Amino acid sequence: MKHKKSSNPNDNIYHTIVKNRKIDRMIMPFEAVYCVWLIITLVLNFKLFAYSIDAQFVLISLFFISGWVSSLIKKHRMKKSRK
């Protein structure tokens, strides 16, 4: 069953918010386990805690760099298609 498009531009925003909330609910248990992991390693093995924080920094940096590169590529393609 296809949904007809409504003329309300906010419907897209509401759909995105609901979709993001569903994703957050799926990710939240992993975040909780990671927080417990950090607390345990902070108390019992500081070296492992430091490696975990380093890995987190690298992963977050890669995520933001990939988003930045992706947006640059999209902008470049949009400029090409306008010519």
Protein backbone atom coordinates (compact mmCIF):
# COMPACT_ATOMS: atom_id res chain seq x y z
CA MET A 1 0.00 0.00 0.00
CA LYS A 2 1.52 3.28 -1.08
CA HIS A 3 1.19 6.37 0.99
CA LYS A 4 0.23 9.48 -0.87
CA LYS A 5 2.50 12.45 -0.44
CA SER A 6 1.07 15.20 1.63
CA SER A 7 1.56 18.86 0.97
CA ASN A 8 2.85 19.41 4.50
CA PRO A 9 6.67 19.83 4.42
CA ASN A 10 6.90 18.92 8.11
CA ASP A 11 5.82 15.31 7.45
CA ASN A 12 9.34 14.53 6.25
CA ILE A 13 10.79 15.97 9.45
CA TYR A 14 8.41 13.94 11.62
CA HIS A 15 9.28 10.76 9.71
CA THR A 16 13.00 11.45 10.24
CA ILE A 17 12.51 12.06 13.96
CA VAL A 18 10.57 8.79 14.39
CA LYS A 19 13.20 6.90 12.39
CA ASN A 20 16.02 8.37 14.49
CA ARG A 21 14.22 7.44 17.73
CA LYS A 22 13.94 3.82 16.53
CA ILE A 23 17.65 3.73 15.73
CA ASP A 24 18.46 5.27 19.13
CA ARG A 25 16.48 2.54 20.87
CA MET A 26 18.50 -0.11 19.06
CA ILE A 27 21.85 1.53 19.80
CA MET A 28 21.17 2.39 23.44
CA PRO A 29 21.92 -1.11 24.85
CA PHE A 30 25.34 -1.09 23.14
CA GLU A 31 26.07 2.35 24.57
CA ALA A 32 25.12 1.12 28.04
CA VAL A 33 27.44 -1.88 27.72
CA TYR A 34 30.23 0.41 26.51
CA CYS A 35 29.72 2.73 29.50
CA VAL A 36 29.90 -0.22 31.89
CA TRP A 37 33.04 -1.40 30.05
CA LEU A 38 34.64 2.02 30.52
CA ILE A 39 33.80 2.13 34.22
CA ILE A 40 35.19 -1.36 34.84
CA THR A 41 38.39 -0.71 32.89
CA LEU A 42 38.83 2.65 34.61
CA VAL A 43 38.76 0.95 37.99
CA LEU A 44 40.59 -2.29 37.19
CA ASN A 45 42.86 -1.67 34.20
CA PHE A 46 43.64 1.93 33.35
CA LYS A 47 45.82 1.04 30.37
CA LEU A 48 42.92 -0.78 28.70
CA PHE A 49 40.67 2.20 29.52
CA ALA A 50 43.12 4.53 27.77
CA TYR A 51 43.17 2.27 24.68
CA SER A 52 39.35 2.24 24.66
CA ILE A 53 39.21 6.04 24.75
CA ASP A 54 41.83 6.22 21.97
CA ALA A 55 39.84 3.80 19.83
CA GLN A 56 36.67 5.81 20.46
CA PHE A 57 38.43 9.01 19.39
CA VAL A 58 39.68 7.38 16.19
CA LEU A 59 36.27 5.94 15.31
CA ILE A 60 34.45 9.22 15.93
CA SER A 61 37.08 11.12 13.93
CA LEU A 62 36.72 8.68 11.01
CA PHE A 63 32.95 9.06 11.16
CA PHE A 64 33.13 12.85 10.95
CA ILE A 65 35.82 12.81 8.27
CA SER A 66 33.77 10.42 6.13
CA GLY A 67 30.74 12.68 6.50
CA TRP A 68 32.82 15.71 5.56
CA VAL A 69 34.26 13.97 2.48
CA SER A 70 30.79 12.77 1.49
CA SER A 71 29.38 16.31 1.68
CA LEU A 72 32.29 17.64 -0.40
CA ILE A 73 31.65 15.01 -3.06
CA LYS A 74 27.92 15.84 -3.11
CA LYS A 75 28.66 19.56 -3.47
CA HIS A 76 31.10 18.85 -6.29
CA ARG A 77 28.54 16.67 -8.12
CA MET A 78 25.85 19.33 -7.70
CA LYS A 79 28.15 21.98 -9.19
CA LYS A 80 28.94 19.65 -12.12
CA SER A 81 25.27 18.94 -12.81
CA ARG A 82 24.44 22.68 -12.88
CA LYS A 83 26.96 23.38 -15.66
